[in-house]
Each structure stands twice: as structure tokens, then as C-alpha cells.
Amino acid sequence: MGHERYQSRADAVDDTPSDELARRLFDRGGVQSLHINSNIITVTLATADSSGIREIIEDLYTYWQPGMEPPTDEELVALVEE
């Protein structure tokens, strides 16, 4: 994974996790630029308000949410057979 730099939402044109994270952070507002390299995320803020940024990052990379049930063995086997 290389360095990913975003100066605006328009720079996030692909379907990668980094691009999705950039879109979510720019959509939040108050973000001037973003740099991602591996598991290091640097956010340059346009305003002093950083509220909600941590949650955006955590939610993107958390698959299992409260109340979700893992698939049964039968469901997993059916996926493999498709």
C-alpha cells in the first residue's frame, strides 16, 4: 500500500478503502486534506473541530456491528459452492 494524498473529495475516484475513507471524511466537512499510508491517517483540518473523525475511521474498518450474527456453516458452504 502506497501513499495516498487527497486535496478534495474529487481526488477519491477509485473503489479502494482509502478512497472511501477520503469521501467519508470530506463529506463530514471541515477537512482540508488527507494523507493515508498503510494504517497511518493524517487529516489536515480546515476548522478546529475534529469531532466525529475517529468514529468515521473506526466505522469504516469495523465489519461486525452489535446485533450481527455470524453466518452458519451451511450458509458458508453455500457461498463456496456458488
N, C-alpha and C. Protein backbone atom coordinates (compact mmCIF):
# COMPACT_ATOMS: atom_id res chain seq x y z
N MET A 1 0.85 -1.17 0.00
CA MET A 1 0.00 0.00 0.00
C MET A 1 0.89 1.23 0.00
N GLY A 2 0.69 2.11 -0.97
CA GLY A 2 1.50 3.31 -1.08
C GLY A 2 0.84 4.50 -0.42
N HIS A 3 1.47 5.64 -0.61
CA HIS A 3 0.93 6.90 -0.09
C HIS A 3 -0.26 7.33 -0.93
N GLU A 4 -1.32 7.72 -0.27
CA GLU A 4 -2.50 8.25 -0.93
C GLU A 4 -2.70 9.66 -0.39
N ARG A 5 -2.78 10.64 -1.31
CA ARG A 5 -2.98 12.03 -0.91
C ARG A 5 -4.26 12.55 -1.56
N TYR A 6 -5.03 13.28 -0.77
CA TYR A 6 -6.30 13.83 -1.24
C TYR A 6 -6.37 15.30 -0.84
N GLN A 7 -6.56 16.15 -1.81
CA GLN A 7 -6.73 17.58 -1.56
C GLN A 7 -8.21 17.96 -1.52
N SER A 8 -9.06 17.07 -2.07
CA SER A 8 -10.50 17.29 -2.07
C SER A 8 -11.20 15.96 -2.32
N ARG A 9 -12.51 15.96 -2.18
CA ARG A 9 -13.30 14.75 -2.42
C ARG A 9 -13.13 14.26 -3.86
N ALA A 10 -12.93 15.19 -4.78
CA ALA A 10 -12.79 14.85 -6.20
C ALA A 10 -11.58 13.96 -6.47
N ASP A 11 -10.61 13.95 -5.57
CA ASP A 11 -9.42 13.10 -5.74
C ASP A 11 -9.71 11.63 -5.43
N ALA A 12 -10.81 11.35 -4.76
CA ALA A 12 -11.15 9.98 -4.34
C ALA A 12 -12.05 9.35 -5.40
N VAL A 13 -11.45 8.89 -6.50
CA VAL A 13 -12.23 8.42 -7.65
C VAL A 13 -12.32 6.90 -7.77
N ASP A 14 -11.50 6.17 -7.03
CA ASP A 14 -11.49 4.71 -7.16
C ASP A 14 -12.38 4.06 -6.11
N ASP A 15 -12.35 2.72 -6.09
CA ASP A 15 -13.17 1.94 -5.18
C ASP A 15 -12.30 1.25 -4.13
N THR A 16 -11.32 1.97 -3.60
CA THR A 16 -10.42 1.41 -2.60
C THR A 16 -10.87 1.86 -1.21
N PRO A 17 -10.46 1.15 -0.17
CA PRO A 17 -10.78 1.61 1.18
C PRO A 17 -10.28 3.03 1.45
N SER A 18 -9.11 3.37 0.94
CA SER A 18 -8.58 4.73 1.15
C SER A 18 -9.48 5.77 0.49
N ASP A 19 -9.92 5.49 -0.72
CA ASP A 19 -10.81 6.43 -1.41
C ASP A 19 -12.15 6.57 -0.68
N GLU A 20 -12.68 5.46 -0.20
CA GLU A 20 -13.94 5.51 0.54
C GLU A 20 -13.78 6.32 1.82
N LEU A 21 -12.68 6.11 2.52
CA LEU A 21 -12.42 6.87 3.74
C LEU A 21 -12.31 8.36 3.41
N ALA A 22 -11.60 8.69 2.34
CA ALA A 22 -11.46 10.10 1.95
C ALA A 22 -12.83 10.72 1.66
N ARG A 23 -13.68 10.00 0.92
CA ARG A 23 -15.01 10.53 0.62
C ARG A 23 -15.79 10.78 1.91
N ARG A 24 -15.75 9.84 2.83
CA ARG A 24 -16.50 10.00 4.08
C ARG A 24 -15.98 11.17 4.89
N LEU A 25 -14.67 11.33 4.95
CA LEU A 25 -14.11 12.43 5.73
C LEU A 25 -14.40 13.78 5.08
N PHE A 26 -14.26 13.88 3.77
CA PHE A 26 -14.59 15.15 3.11
C PHE A 26 -16.07 15.46 3.20
N ASP A 27 -16.92 14.42 3.14
CA ASP A 27 -18.37 14.64 3.28
C ASP A 27 -18.72 15.16 4.67
N ARG A 28 -17.94 14.81 5.66
CA ARG A 28 -18.14 15.30 7.02
C ARG A 28 -18.00 16.81 7.08
N GLY A 29 -17.11 17.34 6.25
CA GLY A 29 -16.85 18.78 6.25
C GLY A 29 -15.70 19.12 7.18
N GLY A 30 -15.09 20.25 6.94
CA GLY A 30 -14.02 20.73 7.80
C GLY A 30 -12.66 20.10 7.55
N VAL A 31 -12.54 19.28 6.49
CA VAL A 31 -11.28 18.62 6.18
C VAL A 31 -10.63 19.35 5.00
N GLN A 32 -9.38 19.76 5.19
CA GLN A 32 -8.65 20.45 4.14
C GLN A 32 -7.94 19.47 3.22
N SER A 33 -7.25 18.48 3.83
CA SER A 33 -6.55 17.47 3.04
C SER A 33 -6.38 16.22 3.87
N LEU A 34 -5.95 15.16 3.18
CA LEU A 34 -5.86 13.86 3.82
C LEU A 34 -4.69 13.10 3.22
N HIS A 35 -3.94 12.41 4.08
CA HIS A 35 -2.83 11.56 3.62
C HIS A 35 -2.99 10.21 4.31
N ILE A 36 -2.94 9.14 3.53
CA ILE A 36 -3.08 7.79 4.07
C ILE A 36 -1.90 6.96 3.59
N ASN A 37 -1.25 6.27 4.51
CA ASN A 37 -0.19 5.33 4.18
C ASN A 37 -0.30 4.16 5.14
N SER A 38 -0.69 3.01 4.60
CA SER A 38 -0.88 1.81 5.40
C SER A 38 -1.94 2.08 6.46
N ASN A 39 -1.58 1.99 7.73
CA ASN A 39 -2.56 2.22 8.79
C ASN A 39 -2.39 3.59 9.45
N ILE A 40 -1.70 4.50 8.78
CA ILE A 40 -1.50 5.85 9.30
C ILE A 40 -2.34 6.82 8.48
N ILE A 41 -3.19 7.56 9.16
CA ILE A 41 -4.08 8.50 8.51
C ILE A 41 -3.80 9.89 9.09
N THR A 42 -3.43 10.83 8.23
CA THR A 42 -3.17 12.19 8.65
C THR A 42 -4.25 13.08 8.04
N VAL A 43 -4.99 13.76 8.91
CA VAL A 43 -6.07 14.64 8.47
C VAL A 43 -5.66 16.07 8.79
N THR A 44 -5.63 16.91 7.77
CA THR A 44 -5.40 18.34 7.97
C THR A 44 -6.76 19.01 7.98
N LEU A 45 -7.07 19.64 9.09
CA LEU A 45 -8.39 20.23 9.25
C LEU A 45 -8.45 21.65 8.71
N ALA A 46 -9.58 22.01 8.13
CA ALA A 46 -9.82 23.38 7.70
C ALA A 46 -10.39 24.20 8.85
N THR A 47 -10.96 23.50 9.83
CA THR A 47 -11.50 24.14 11.03
C THR A 47 -10.92 23.44 12.24
N ALA A 48 -11.15 23.98 13.41
CA ALA A 48 -10.61 23.39 14.64
C ALA A 48 -11.44 22.22 15.15
N ASP A 49 -12.57 21.95 14.54
CA ASP A 49 -13.48 20.90 15.01
C ASP A 49 -13.08 19.54 14.45
N SER A 50 -12.64 18.65 15.33
CA SER A 50 -12.27 17.29 14.90
C SER A 50 -13.31 16.25 15.33
N SER A 51 -14.43 16.69 15.84
CA SER A 51 -15.44 15.75 16.33
C SER A 51 -15.94 14.84 15.21
N GLY A 52 -16.07 13.57 15.53
CA GLY A 52 -16.63 12.59 14.60
C GLY A 52 -15.63 11.92 13.68
N ILE A 53 -14.42 12.44 13.59
CA ILE A 53 -13.43 11.85 12.67
C ILE A 53 -13.04 10.46 13.11
N ARG A 54 -12.78 10.29 14.38
CA ARG A 54 -12.40 8.98 14.89
C ARG A 54 -13.48 7.93 14.58
N GLU A 55 -14.73 8.30 14.79
CA GLU A 55 -15.83 7.36 14.55
C GLU A 55 -15.95 7.00 13.07
N ILE A 56 -15.72 7.95 12.18
CA ILE A 56 -15.77 7.67 10.75
C ILE A 56 -14.72 6.63 10.38
N ILE A 57 -13.51 6.80 10.91
CA ILE A 57 -12.42 5.87 10.63
C ILE A 57 -12.74 4.49 11.22
N GLU A 58 -13.16 4.46 12.48
CA GLU A 58 -13.46 3.18 13.13
C GLU A 58 -14.59 2.45 12.43
N ASP A 59 -15.65 3.16 12.05
CA ASP A 59 -16.81 2.51 11.43
C ASP A 59 -16.48 1.93 10.06
N LEU A 60 -15.58 2.56 9.32
CA LEU A 60 -15.23 2.05 8.00
C LEU A 60 -14.55 0.69 8.11
N TYR A 61 -13.72 0.51 9.10
CA TYR A 61 -12.93 -0.71 9.21
C TYR A 61 -13.49 -1.74 10.18
N THR A 62 -14.68 -1.49 10.72
CA THR A 62 -15.32 -2.45 11.62
C THR A 62 -16.44 -3.15 10.87
N TYR A 63 -16.26 -4.44 10.62
CA TYR A 63 -17.29 -5.19 9.90
C TYR A 63 -18.42 -5.61 10.84
N TRP A 64 -18.05 -6.24 11.95
CA TRP A 64 -19.07 -6.76 12.86
C TRP A 64 -19.62 -5.64 13.72
N GLN A 65 -20.91 -5.44 13.62
CA GLN A 65 -21.61 -4.43 14.40
C GLN A 65 -22.49 -5.13 15.43
N PRO A 66 -22.84 -4.45 16.51
CA PRO A 66 -23.73 -5.06 17.50
C PRO A 66 -25.01 -5.58 16.86
N GLY A 67 -25.39 -6.80 17.23
CA GLY A 67 -26.60 -7.41 16.72
C GLY A 67 -26.40 -8.26 15.48
N MET A 68 -25.23 -8.18 14.86
CA MET A 68 -24.98 -9.01 13.67
C MET A 68 -24.71 -10.45 14.11
N GLU A 69 -25.20 -11.37 13.34
CA GLU A 69 -24.99 -12.79 13.62
C GLU A 69 -24.02 -13.36 12.58
N PRO A 70 -23.04 -14.14 13.01
CA PRO A 70 -22.14 -14.76 12.03
C PRO A 70 -22.92 -15.78 11.19
N PRO A 71 -22.49 -16.00 9.94
CA PRO A 71 -23.20 -16.97 9.10
C PRO A 71 -23.06 -18.39 9.64
N THR A 72 -24.04 -19.21 9.35
CA THR A 72 -23.98 -20.61 9.76
C THR A 72 -23.02 -21.35 8.83
N ASP A 73 -22.65 -22.56 9.24
CA ASP A 73 -21.80 -23.39 8.39
C ASP A 73 -22.46 -23.65 7.04
N GLU A 74 -23.76 -23.88 7.05
CA GLU A 74 -24.49 -24.15 5.83
C GLU A 74 -24.45 -22.94 4.89
N GLU A 75 -24.61 -21.74 5.44
CA GLU A 75 -24.55 -20.54 4.62
C GLU A 75 -23.16 -20.35 4.00
N LEU A 76 -22.13 -20.63 4.77
CA LEU A 76 -20.76 -20.51 4.25
C LEU A 76 -20.50 -21.53 3.15
N VAL A 77 -20.96 -22.77 3.34
CA VAL A 77 -20.76 -23.81 2.32
C VAL A 77 -21.50 -23.41 1.04
N ALA A 78 -22.70 -22.86 1.17
CA ALA A 78 -23.48 -22.45 0.00
C ALA A 78 -22.73 -21.36 -0.79
N LEU A 79 -22.05 -20.48 -0.08
CA LEU A 79 -21.28 -19.42 -0.76
C LEU A 79 -20.12 -20.01 -1.55
N VAL A 80 -19.46 -21.00 -0.98
CA VAL A 80 -18.33 -21.64 -1.65
C VAL A 80 -18.78 -22.40 -2.89
N GLU A 81 -19.95 -23.01 -2.82
CA GLU A 81 -20.46 -23.81 -3.93
C GLU A 81 -20.96 -22.96 -5.09
N GLU A 82 -21.19 -21.67 -4.87
CA GLU A 82 -21.71 -20.80 -5.95
C GLU A 82 -20.71 -20.58 -6.99
